[in-house]
Amino acid sequence: MAKVKKRAAKKTGATRGKAKQSKKLRAVAPAAEPARRQPATAKAARPTRAPAAPPRNSARELAQRIVDLTVTHDDEGCFALYAPNVESIEPGQAPMVGIEAIKQKFAGWRAMAPQSTWRARTICVEGNTIVIEWTGDVTFATGKQATLNEVAVHEVEGGKIVRERFYYDRMAIQP
């Protein structure tokens, strides 16, 4: 029997000293008791850790705020999202700079299109950039109705919109 153990030790690369030590340890160590099952109620009483909350993403929260305020036509709420030196670019127009320019732009839009319903189709947030794909059913002051597909790109710094660009077919808003 001892020869068999020595051969097994040689095959596995164990040395004689290690084989002797493990033999001695086996002889000294008491036999382990079989594991006991705990009743089901004991498991339920153990405190469980709540899953970790996802990290806060202020740009994602801002994106949702943009959507909520746009859908409800809350212009005053929208103005609070902009940095004082915001730059806004519309197709075919010179960039508008500053919160007062944004307020004028909103007033011009409300005069041109007094009724509109907006749906955010896609919202993408990457770093400090928010991209929202919009579909709007718009009724213009002339009575013309149109569906406007638009992509808005918002750049964010310090939790405020500092630059925005809009992309849409300008022919859709012509009288």
Protein backbone atom coordinates (compact mmCIF):
# COMPACT_ATOMS: atom_id res chain seq x y z
CA MET A 1 0.00 0.00 0.00
CA ALA A 2 2.86 2.39 0.81
CA LYS A 3 4.44 1.71 -2.58
CA VAL A 4 1.22 2.69 -4.31
CA LYS A 5 1.13 6.03 -2.44
CA LYS A 6 4.77 6.75 -3.28
CA ARG A 7 4.16 6.04 -6.96
CA ALA A 8 1.11 8.32 -6.94
CA ALA A 9 3.18 11.04 -5.30
CA LYS A 10 5.89 10.70 -7.94
CA LYS A 11 3.34 10.89 -10.76
CA THR A 12 1.82 14.10 -9.40
CA GLY A 13 5.18 15.69 -8.72
CA ALA A 14 4.77 15.70 -4.93
CA THR A 15 7.89 15.09 -2.90
CA ARG A 16 8.30 12.41 -0.26
CA GLY A 17 8.39 15.03 2.49
CA LYS A 18 5.05 16.45 1.39
CA ALA A 19 3.56 12.99 1.10
CA LYS A 20 4.71 12.19 4.66
CA GLN A 21 3.40 15.51 5.98
CA SER A 22 -0.02 15.01 4.46
CA LYS A 23 -0.09 11.49 5.91
CA LYS A 24 0.75 12.87 9.36
CA LEU A 25 -1.85 15.63 9.06
CA ARG A 26 -4.52 13.18 8.10
CA ALA A 27 -3.75 11.11 11.14
CA VAL A 28 -3.88 14.12 13.50
CA ALA A 29 -6.89 15.98 12.05
CA PRO A 30 -10.22 14.91 13.53
CA ALA A 31 -12.88 13.64 11.20
CA ALA A 32 -15.15 16.43 9.98
CA GLU A 33 -18.80 16.31 10.92
CA PRO A 34 -21.25 16.17 8.06
CA ALA A 35 -22.75 19.55 7.15
CA ARG A 36 -26.12 20.21 8.70
CA ARG A 37 -28.95 21.73 6.74
CA GLN A 38 -30.46 24.87 8.11
CA PRO A 39 -34.20 25.20 8.12
CA ALA A 40 -35.73 27.35 5.37
CA THR A 41 -36.75 29.98 7.93
CA ALA A 42 -33.12 30.55 8.87
CA LYS A 43 -32.27 31.53 5.30
CA ALA A 44 -35.11 34.02 5.17
CA ALA A 45 -33.93 35.67 8.37
CA ARG A 46 -30.50 36.48 6.93
CA PRO A 47 -30.13 40.10 5.87
CA THR A 48 -29.80 40.48 2.12
CA ARG A 49 -27.93 43.24 0.38
CA ALA A 50 -29.94 45.48 -1.86
CA PRO A 51 -28.56 45.70 -5.38
CA ALA A 52 -26.32 48.69 -5.84
CA ALA A 53 -28.06 51.69 -7.35
CA PRO A 54 -26.77 52.60 -10.80
CA PRO A 55 -24.43 55.57 -10.79
CA ARG A 56 -26.16 58.91 -11.21
CA ASN A 57 -25.93 60.23 -14.75
CA SER A 58 -26.69 63.96 -14.74
CA ALA A 59 -26.59 64.18 -18.57
CA ARG A 60 -29.21 61.41 -18.82
CA GLU A 61 -31.36 63.19 -16.23
CA LEU A 62 -31.01 66.43 -18.19
CA ALA A 63 -32.04 64.63 -21.38
CA GLN A 64 -35.21 63.39 -19.70
CA ARG A 65 -35.88 66.89 -18.39
CA ILE A 66 -35.53 68.32 -21.92
CA VAL A 67 -38.05 65.79 -23.19
CA ASP A 68 -40.53 66.39 -20.36
CA LEU A 69 -40.43 70.18 -20.73
CA THR A 70 -40.67 70.07 -24.53
CA VAL A 71 -43.65 67.72 -24.52
CA THR A 72 -45.51 69.91 -22.00
CA HIS A 73 -44.52 73.20 -23.76
CA ASP A 74 -42.97 74.57 -20.54
CA ASP A 75 -40.82 77.34 -22.02
CA GLU A 76 -39.89 78.86 -18.65
CA GLY A 77 -38.69 75.46 -17.44
CA CYS A 78 -36.66 75.09 -20.63
CA PHE A 79 -34.91 78.43 -20.12
CA ALA A 80 -33.60 77.16 -16.77
CA LEU A 81 -31.72 74.37 -18.61
CA TYR A 82 -29.48 76.77 -20.54
CA ALA A 83 -26.16 78.31 -19.57
CA PRO A 84 -26.16 82.13 -19.83
CA ASN A 85 -23.79 82.07 -22.84
CA VAL A 86 -25.57 79.24 -24.71
CA GLU A 87 -25.11 79.00 -28.47
CA SER A 88 -28.05 77.71 -30.53
CA ILE A 89 -27.80 76.86 -34.22
CA GLU A 90 -30.77 76.30 -36.55
CA PRO A 91 -30.43 75.26 -40.21
CA GLY A 92 -29.90 78.21 -42.53
CA GLN A 93 -29.67 80.76 -39.72
CA ALA A 94 -26.83 82.54 -37.96
CA PRO A 95 -26.00 81.14 -34.51
CA MET A 96 -27.91 82.70 -31.63
CA VAL A 97 -25.91 83.38 -28.47
CA GLY A 98 -27.20 83.98 -24.95
CA ILE A 99 -30.32 83.21 -23.00
CA GLU A 100 -32.13 86.30 -24.36
CA ALA A 101 -31.59 85.00 -27.90
CA ILE A 102 -33.09 81.66 -26.82
CA LYS A 103 -36.14 83.43 -25.40
CA GLN A 104 -36.59 85.33 -28.69
CA LYS A 105 -36.24 82.10 -30.65
CA PHE A 106 -38.93 80.42 -28.53
CA ALA A 107 -41.28 83.41 -28.95
CA GLY A 108 -40.73 83.36 -32.73
CA TRP A 109 -41.48 79.64 -32.87
CA ARG A 110 -44.69 80.01 -30.80
CA ALA A 111 -45.87 82.83 -33.14
CA MET A 112 -45.05 80.76 -36.24
CA ALA A 113 -46.39 77.43 -34.93
CA PRO A 114 -48.94 77.98 -32.16
CA GLN A 115 -49.85 74.28 -31.96
CA SER A 116 -47.50 71.33 -31.90
CA THR A 117 -47.22 67.89 -30.39
CA TRP A 118 -43.77 66.38 -29.92
CA ARG A 119 -42.60 62.81 -29.37
CA ALA A 120 -39.04 61.84 -28.58
CA ARG A 121 -38.30 58.81 -30.75
CA THR A 122 -34.70 58.22 -29.69
CA ILE A 123 -32.63 59.61 -26.83
CA CYS A 124 -28.87 59.01 -26.82
CA VAL A 125 -26.50 60.20 -24.12
CA GLU A 126 -22.74 59.85 -24.44
CA GLY A 127 -20.50 61.74 -22.08
CA ASN A 128 -21.62 65.37 -22.14
CA THR A 129 -23.60 65.10 -25.38
CA ILE A 130 -27.35 64.51 -25.65
CA VAL A 131 -28.92 63.60 -28.99
CA ILE A 132 -32.72 63.50 -29.27
CA GLU A 133 -34.59 62.44 -32.38
CA TRP A 134 -37.97 64.17 -32.44
CA THR A 135 -41.17 63.80 -34.43
CA GLY A 136 -43.51 66.78 -34.24
CA ASP A 137 -47.00 67.27 -35.57
CA VAL A 138 -47.09 71.00 -36.14
CA THR A 139 -49.93 73.39 -37.02
CA PHE A 140 -48.54 76.68 -38.32
CA ALA A 141 -50.22 80.07 -37.92
CA THR A 142 -51.11 79.90 -41.64
CA GLY A 143 -53.16 76.74 -40.97
CA LYS A 144 -50.66 74.49 -42.72
CA GLN A 145 -50.03 71.22 -40.94
CA ALA A 146 -46.82 69.24 -41.18
CA THR A 147 -44.89 66.46 -39.57
CA LEU A 148 -41.44 67.67 -38.64
CA ASN A 149 -38.63 65.19 -38.09
CA GLU A 150 -35.78 66.77 -36.21
CA VAL A 151 -32.53 65.79 -34.54
CA ALA A 152 -31.34 67.97 -31.67
CA VAL A 153 -27.76 67.78 -30.40
CA HIS A 154 -27.14 69.37 -26.99
CA GLU A 155 -23.67 69.83 -25.47
CA VAL A 156 -23.65 70.07 -21.68
CA GLU A 157 -21.19 71.61 -19.20
CA GLY A 158 -21.83 71.97 -15.50
CA GLY A 159 -25.34 70.55 -15.86
CA LYS A 160 -26.45 73.26 -18.35
CA ILE A 161 -26.82 73.29 -22.12
CA VAL A 162 -23.95 75.35 -23.57
CA ARG A 163 -24.44 74.57 -27.25
CA GLU A 164 -27.23 73.07 -29.33
CA ARG A 165 -27.70 72.28 -32.99
CA PHE A 166 -30.89 71.29 -34.75
CA TYR A 167 -31.16 69.32 -37.98
CA TYR A 168 -34.41 69.12 -39.98
CA ASP A 169 -35.79 69.65 -43.45
CA ARG A 170 -36.32 73.41 -43.75
CA MET A 171 -38.91 72.89 -46.48
CA ALA A 172 -41.21 71.28 -43.89
CA ILE A 173 -41.63 74.62 -42.10
CA GLN A 174 -42.04 76.85 -45.14
CA PRO A 175 -45.50 78.49 -45.59
